[in-house]
Amino acid sequence: APPAQPPAPNNGIAWIYGAGGIQYVFARDPKLDVTTYKVEDHKARLLEVSKLMDSTDPDLSRFRARGGRLIMLEHMADYAQSPYAGIRYFESVERKLGKAETAEFARLYTAPGVDHVGSGAPANVDMLSALVDWVEKGKAPGDLEVIEQKVDAPSFTTLRALPLCRWPAWPHYKAGPMTAASSFTCAP
């Protein structure tokens, strides 16, 4: 059975994501019983939405030529979308433009254990500052750091941290406190 609205902790939040997309975006019928939804009945609308929303063209050469910079982040425990779709896309850009050329304007980071809303593992990272530094100061980001902070106090004390590694590297434990990013290294 579908969960109740609004979602509660015992509901399946993924149902809410899927049901809303099907009802409001594809079928354009808020009263549609999504358990009766058939893709073939909405093929024209699916193709229309696909043209508007799908980002699958790996040729980012025009974006790069205009000085564009791209930072992608995939949460590896995302239950609403597959992080591997973003990884596959990034790798298709590398195949199209070459790894060295792609590295001049694009980065992909993966956050292990982080779900769709940034829970489950350290997930706070200031990507905007990394992007601004790259665009305005020419400082390309390397490996970054994700943190989990205490949110009930204005000091926002860091509770734990992990390195946020550039794909395809991954954080590997070296030694030291499991809550410190310095206890890990980024390695394939």
C-alpha atoms as a PDB file:
ATOM      1  CA  ALA A   1       0.000   0.000   0.000  1.00  0.00           C
ATOM      2  CA  PRO A   2       1.217   3.526  -0.667  1.00  0.00           C
ATOM      3  CA  PRO A   3       2.315   5.623   2.293  1.00  0.00           C
ATOM      4  CA  ALA A   4       0.175   8.387   3.710  1.00  0.00           C
ATOM      5  CA  GLN A   5       0.641  12.026   2.847  1.00  0.00           C
ATOM      6  CA  PRO A   6       2.465  13.863   4.286  1.00  0.00           C
ATOM      7  CA  PRO A   7       5.321  11.361   4.596  1.00  0.00           C
ATOM      8  CA  ALA A   8       6.111  10.009   8.046  1.00  0.00           C
ATOM      9  CA  PRO A   9       9.206   8.111   9.205  1.00  0.00           C
ATOM     10  CA  ASN A  10       7.423   4.778   8.719  1.00  0.00           C
ATOM     11  CA  ASN A  11       6.434   5.637   5.117  1.00  0.00           C
ATOM     12  CA  GLY A  12       8.292   4.775   1.961  1.00  0.00           C
ATOM     13  CA  ILE A  13       9.631   8.166   0.853  1.00  0.00           C
ATOM     14  CA  ALA A  14      10.728   6.707  -2.487  1.00  0.00           C
ATOM     15  CA  TRP A  15       7.037   6.082  -3.237  1.00  0.00           C
ATOM     16  CA  ILE A  16       6.340   9.785  -2.761  1.00  0.00           C
ATOM     17  CA  TYR A  17       9.116  10.760  -5.205  1.00  0.00           C
ATOM     18  CA  GLY A  18       7.967   8.308  -7.841  1.00  0.00           C
ATOM     19  CA  ALA A  19       4.255   8.853  -7.414  1.00  0.00           C
ATOM     20  CA  GLY A  20       4.548  12.631  -7.668  1.00  0.00           C
ATOM     21  CA  GLY A  21       6.688  12.432 -10.783  1.00  0.00           C
ATOM     22  CA  ILE A  22       4.293  10.030 -12.463  1.00  0.00           C
ATOM     23  CA  GLN A  23       1.138  11.909 -11.443  1.00  0.00           C
ATOM     24  CA  TYR A  24       2.253  15.509 -12.005  1.00  0.00           C
ATOM     25  CA  VAL A  25       5.035  15.347 -14.590  1.00  0.00           C
ATOM     26  CA  PHE A  26       4.301  12.408 -16.854  1.00  0.00           C
ATOM     27  CA  ALA A  27       0.584  11.633 -16.621  1.00  0.00           C
ATOM     28  CA  ARG A  28      -0.439  15.175 -15.611  1.00  0.00           C
ATOM     29  CA  ASP A  29      -3.177  13.643 -13.485  1.00  0.00           C
ATOM     30  CA  PRO A  30      -2.912  14.205  -9.693  1.00  0.00           C
ATOM     31  CA  LYS A  31      -5.677  11.639  -9.104  1.00  0.00           C
ATOM     32  CA  LEU A  32      -3.938   8.861 -11.030  1.00  0.00           C
ATOM     33  CA  ASP A  33      -3.519   5.627  -9.107  1.00  0.00           C
ATOM     34  CA  VAL A  34       0.155   5.040  -9.828  1.00  0.00           C
ATOM     35  CA  THR A  35      -0.227   1.301  -9.355  1.00  0.00           C
ATOM     36  CA  THR A  36      -2.160   1.337 -12.652  1.00  0.00           C
ATOM     37  CA  TYR A  37       0.350   3.541 -14.525  1.00  0.00           C
ATOM     38  CA  LYS A  38       1.572   2.113 -17.829  1.00  0.00           C
ATOM     39  CA  VAL A  39       4.559   3.666 -19.560  1.00  0.00           C
ATOM     40  CA  GLU A  40       3.205   2.851 -23.009  1.00  0.00           C
ATOM     41  CA  ASP A  41       0.098   4.976 -22.329  1.00  0.00           C
ATOM     42  CA  HIS A  42       2.260   8.062 -21.783  1.00  0.00           C
ATOM     43  CA  LYS A  43       5.072   7.509 -24.280  1.00  0.00           C
ATOM     44  CA  ALA A  44       4.687  10.867 -26.081  1.00  0.00           C
ATOM     45  CA  ARG A  45       4.829  12.791 -22.785  1.00  0.00           C
ATOM     46  CA  LEU A  46       7.806  10.743 -21.559  1.00  0.00           C
ATOM     47  CA  LEU A  47       9.724  11.617 -24.727  1.00  0.00           C
ATOM     48  CA  GLU A  48       8.742  15.292 -24.378  1.00  0.00           C
ATOM     49  CA  VAL A  49       9.963  15.438 -20.766  1.00  0.00           C
ATOM     50  CA  SER A  50      13.087  13.517 -21.703  1.00  0.00           C
ATOM     51  CA  LYS A  51      14.051  16.191 -24.255  1.00  0.00           C
ATOM     52  CA  LEU A  52      13.668  18.864 -21.577  1.00  0.00           C
ATOM     53  CA  MET A  53      15.300  17.130 -18.616  1.00  0.00           C
ATOM     54  CA  ASP A  54      17.753  14.436 -19.673  1.00  0.00           C
ATOM     55  CA  SER A  55      21.382  15.467 -19.494  1.00  0.00           C
ATOM     56  CA  THR A  56      22.989  12.698 -21.459  1.00  0.00           C
ATOM     57  CA  ASP A  57      25.016  14.441 -24.188  1.00  0.00           C
ATOM     58  CA  PRO A  58      28.662  13.915 -23.236  1.00  0.00           C
ATOM     59  CA  ASP A  59      29.950  16.591 -25.614  1.00  0.00           C
ATOM     60  CA  LEU A  60      30.668  19.454 -23.227  1.00  0.00           C
ATOM     61  CA  SER A  61      33.274  21.004 -25.528  1.00  0.00           C
ATOM     62  CA  ARG A  62      31.235  24.196 -26.090  1.00  0.00           C
ATOM     63  CA  PHE A  63      30.710  24.541 -22.326  1.00  0.00           C
ATOM     64  CA  ARG A  64      34.447  24.098 -21.764  1.00  0.00           C
ATOM     65  CA  ALA A  65      35.345  26.539 -24.574  1.00  0.00           C
ATOM     66  CA  ARG A  66      33.271  29.243 -22.854  1.00  0.00           C
ATOM     67  CA  GLY A  67      35.266  28.736 -19.644  1.00  0.00           C
ATOM     68  CA  GLY A  68      32.658  26.568 -17.949  1.00  0.00           C
ATOM     69  CA  ARG A  69      33.520  24.620 -14.804  1.00  0.00           C
ATOM     70  CA  LEU A  70      31.520  21.649 -13.568  1.00  0.00           C
ATOM     71  CA  ILE A  71      31.548  19.958 -10.167  1.00  0.00           C
ATOM     72  CA  MET A  72      29.325  16.890  -9.758  1.00  0.00           C
ATOM     73  CA  LEU A  73      28.539  15.145  -6.471  1.00  0.00           C
ATOM     74  CA  GLU A  74      26.932  11.727  -6.211  1.00  0.00           C
ATOM     75  CA  HIS A  75      25.607  10.418  -2.887  1.00  0.00           C
ATOM     76  CA  MET A  76      26.392   6.708  -3.045  1.00  0.00           C
ATOM     77  CA  ALA A  77      23.487   5.591  -0.808  1.00  0.00           C
ATOM     78  CA  ASP A  78      20.874   7.648  -2.688  1.00  0.00           C
ATOM     79  CA  TYR A  79      17.532   5.861  -2.689  1.00  0.00           C
ATOM     80  CA  ALA A  80      15.772   8.292  -5.037  1.00  0.00           C
ATOM     81  CA  GLN A  81      18.145   8.041  -7.982  1.00  0.00           C
ATOM     82  CA  SER A  82      21.065   5.855  -8.892  1.00  0.00           C
ATOM     83  CA  PRO A  83      24.432   7.511  -8.268  1.00  0.00           C
ATOM     84  CA  TYR A  84      25.790   5.303 -11.035  1.00  0.00           C
ATOM     85  CA  ALA A  85      23.834   7.291 -13.633  1.00  0.00           C
ATOM     86  CA  GLY A  86      25.915  10.374 -12.812  1.00  0.00           C
ATOM     87  CA  ILE A  87      29.106   8.347 -12.696  1.00  0.00           C
ATOM     88  CA  ARG A  88      28.328   6.785 -16.092  1.00  0.00           C
ATOM     89  CA  TYR A  89      27.588  10.245 -17.507  1.00  0.00           C
ATOM     90  CA  PHE A  90      30.867  11.675 -16.212  1.00  0.00           C
ATOM     91  CA  GLU A  91      32.780   8.719 -17.638  1.00  0.00           C
ATOM     92  CA  SER A  92      31.046   9.248 -20.997  1.00  0.00           C
ATOM     93  CA  VAL A  93      32.303  12.861 -20.982  1.00  0.00           C
ATOM     94  CA  GLU A  94      35.819  11.535 -20.302  1.00  0.00           C
ATOM     95  CA  ARG A  95      35.503   9.076 -23.201  1.00  0.00           C
ATOM     96  CA  LYS A  96      34.241  11.814 -25.536  1.00  0.00           C
ATOM     97  CA  LEU A  97      36.719  14.560 -24.614  1.00  0.00           C
ATOM     98  CA  GLY A  98      39.551  12.580 -23.040  1.00  0.00           C
ATOM     99  CA  LYS A  99      40.366  12.257 -19.346  1.00  0.00           C
ATOM    100  CA  ALA A 100      43.034  14.988 -19.351  1.00  0.00           C
ATOM    101  CA  GLU A 101      40.840  17.529 -21.139  1.00  0.00           C
ATOM    102  CA  THR A 102      37.838  16.713 -18.929  1.00  0.00           C
ATOM    103  CA  ALA A 103      39.996  17.193 -15.815  1.00  0.00           C
ATOM    104  CA  GLU A 104      40.695  20.761 -16.966  1.00  0.00           C
ATOM    105  CA  PHE A 105      37.056  21.773 -16.416  1.00  0.00           C
ATOM    106  CA  ALA A 106      35.129  19.031 -14.610  1.00  0.00           C
ATOM    107  CA  ARG A 107      35.259  17.084 -11.355  1.00  0.00           C
ATOM    108  CA  LEU A 108      33.185  14.214 -10.006  1.00  0.00           C
ATOM    109  CA  TYR A 109      33.035  13.404  -6.298  1.00  0.00           C
ATOM    110  CA  THR A 110      31.301  10.478  -4.622  1.00  0.00           C
ATOM    111  CA  ALA A 111      30.155  10.520  -1.006  1.00  0.00           C
ATOM    112  CA  PRO A 112      30.079   6.977   0.456  1.00  0.00           C
ATOM    113  CA  GLY A 113      27.154   6.142   2.716  1.00  0.00           C
ATOM    114  CA  VAL A 114      25.305   9.407   2.048  1.00  0.00           C
ATOM    115  CA  ASP A 115      21.630   9.163   1.103  1.00  0.00           C
ATOM    116  CA  HIS A 116      19.454  11.463  -1.003  1.00  0.00           C
ATOM    117  CA  VAL A 117      19.045  14.137   1.665  1.00  0.00           C
ATOM    118  CA  GLY A 118      22.609  14.029   2.999  1.00  0.00           C
ATOM    119  CA  SER A 119      22.124  11.623   5.893  1.00  0.00           C
ATOM    120  CA  GLY A 120      23.912   8.416   6.819  1.00  0.00           C
ATOM    121  CA  ALA A 121      27.490   9.684   6.678  1.00  0.00           C
ATOM    122  CA  PRO A 122      29.312  13.024   6.699  1.00  0.00           C
ATOM    123  CA  ALA A 123      27.790  15.007   3.833  1.00  0.00           C
ATOM    124  CA  ASN A 124      28.276  18.746   4.418  1.00  0.00           C
ATOM    125  CA  VAL A 125      30.629  20.298   1.890  1.00  0.00           C
ATOM    126  CA  ASP A 126      30.933  23.829   0.537  1.00  0.00           C
ATOM    127  CA  MET A 127      30.881  23.142  -3.196  1.00  0.00           C
ATOM    128  CA  LEU A 128      30.052  26.771  -4.005  1.00  0.00           C
ATOM    129  CA  SER A 129      33.349  28.033  -2.578  1.00  0.00           C
ATOM    130  CA  ALA A 130      35.217  25.298  -4.462  1.00  0.00           C
ATOM    131  CA  LEU A 131      33.495  26.333  -7.695  1.00  0.00           C
ATOM    132  CA  VAL A 132      34.043  30.068  -7.094  1.00  0.00           C
ATOM    133  CA  ASP A 133      37.743  29.458  -6.381  1.00  0.00           C
ATOM    134  CA  TRP A 134      38.025  27.497  -9.617  1.00  0.00           C
ATOM    135  CA  VAL A 135      36.156  30.021 -11.774  1.00  0.00           C
ATOM    136  CA  GLU A 136      37.443  33.257 -10.257  1.00  0.00           C
ATOM    137  CA  LYS A 137      40.899  32.301  -8.971  1.00  0.00           C
ATOM    138  CA  GLY A 138      41.828  29.446 -11.298  1.00  0.00           C
ATOM    139  CA  LYS A 139      42.270  27.090  -8.312  1.00  0.00           C
ATOM    140  CA  ALA A 140      40.943  23.693  -9.417  1.00  0.00           C
ATOM    141  CA  PRO A 141      39.596  21.594  -6.550  1.00  0.00           C
ATOM    142  CA  GLY A 142      41.418  18.444  -5.518  1.00  0.00           C
ATOM    143  CA  ASP A 143      40.113  16.075  -2.902  1.00  0.00           C
ATOM    144  CA  LEU A 144      37.724  17.893  -0.558  1.00  0.00           C
ATOM    145  CA  GLU A 145      36.310  17.080   2.857  1.00  0.00           C
ATOM    146  CA  VAL A 146      32.771  16.272   3.952  1.00  0.00           C
ATOM    147  CA  ILE A 147      31.734  16.827   7.543  1.00  0.00           C
ATOM    148  CA  GLU A 148      28.854  16.000   9.847  1.00  0.00           C
ATOM    149  CA  GLN A 149      28.069  18.815  12.256  1.00  0.00           C
ATOM    150  CA  LYS A 150      26.152  19.163  15.479  1.00  0.00           C
ATOM    151  CA  VAL A 151      23.155  21.245  14.483  1.00  0.00           C
ATOM    152  CA  ASP A 152      21.599  22.052  17.849  1.00  0.00           C
ATOM    153  CA  ALA A 153      24.225  24.613  18.822  1.00  0.00           C
ATOM    154  CA  PRO A 154      25.425  27.778  17.072  1.00  0.00           C
ATOM    155  CA  SER A 155      29.008  26.521  17.114  1.00  0.00           C
ATOM    156  CA  PHE A 156      28.099  23.732  14.653  1.00  0.00           C
ATOM    157  CA  THR A 157      30.861  21.517  16.030  1.00  0.00           C
ATOM    158  CA  THR A 158      32.172  18.931  13.587  1.00  0.00           C
ATOM    159  CA  LEU A 159      31.258  15.435  14.799  1.00  0.00           C
ATOM    160  CA  ARG A 160      33.043  13.470  12.095  1.00  0.00           C
ATOM    161  CA  ALA A 161      34.646  14.017   8.708  1.00  0.00           C
ATOM    162  CA  LEU A 162      35.750  12.050   5.666  1.00  0.00           C
ATOM    163  CA  PRO A 163      37.724  12.987   2.584  1.00  0.00           C
ATOM    164  CA  LEU A 164      35.537  13.655  -0.440  1.00  0.00           C
ATOM    165  CA  CYS A 165      37.603  11.977  -3.117  1.00  0.00           C
ATOM    166  CA  ARG A 166      37.705  12.751  -6.826  1.00  0.00           C
ATOM    167  CA  TRP A 167      36.257   9.840  -8.782  1.00  0.00           C
ATOM    168  CA  PRO A 168      37.388   7.074  -9.135  1.00  0.00           C
ATOM    169  CA  ALA A 169      39.275   7.380  -5.827  1.00  0.00           C
ATOM    170  CA  TRP A 170      37.583   6.341  -2.590  1.00  0.00           C
ATOM    171  CA  PRO A 171      38.380   7.013   1.112  1.00  0.00           C
ATOM    172  CA  HIS A 172      40.545   4.248   2.611  1.00  0.00           C
ATOM    173  CA  TYR A 173      41.235   4.073   6.332  1.00  0.00           C
ATOM    174  CA  LYS A 174      44.937   4.518   7.286  1.00  0.00           C
ATOM    175  CA  ALA A 175      45.082   4.973  11.049  1.00  0.00           C
ATOM    176  CA  GLY A 176      43.754   7.250  13.758  1.00  0.00           C
ATOM    177  CA  PRO A 177      40.284   8.294  14.884  1.00  0.00           C
ATOM    178  CA  MET A 178      37.505   7.043  12.606  1.00  0.00           C
ATOM    179  CA  THR A 179      35.860  10.475  12.957  1.00  0.00           C
ATOM    180  CA  ALA A 180      38.778  12.412  11.409  1.00  0.00           C
ATOM    181  CA  ALA A 181      39.284  12.915   7.680  1.00  0.00           C
ATOM    182  CA  SER A 182      43.038  12.813   8.275  1.00  0.00           C
ATOM    183  CA  SER A 183      42.674   9.128   9.243  1.00  0.00           C
ATOM    184  CA  PHE A 184      41.783   8.323   5.631  1.00  0.00           C
ATOM    185  CA  THR A 185      43.440   8.654   2.260  1.00  0.00           C
ATOM    186  CA  CYS A 186      41.901   8.842  -1.198  1.00  0.00           C
ATOM    187  CA  ALA A 187      42.941   5.842  -3.286  1.00  0.00           C
ATOM    188  CA  PRO A 188      41.518   3.788  -6.167  1.00  0.00           C
END
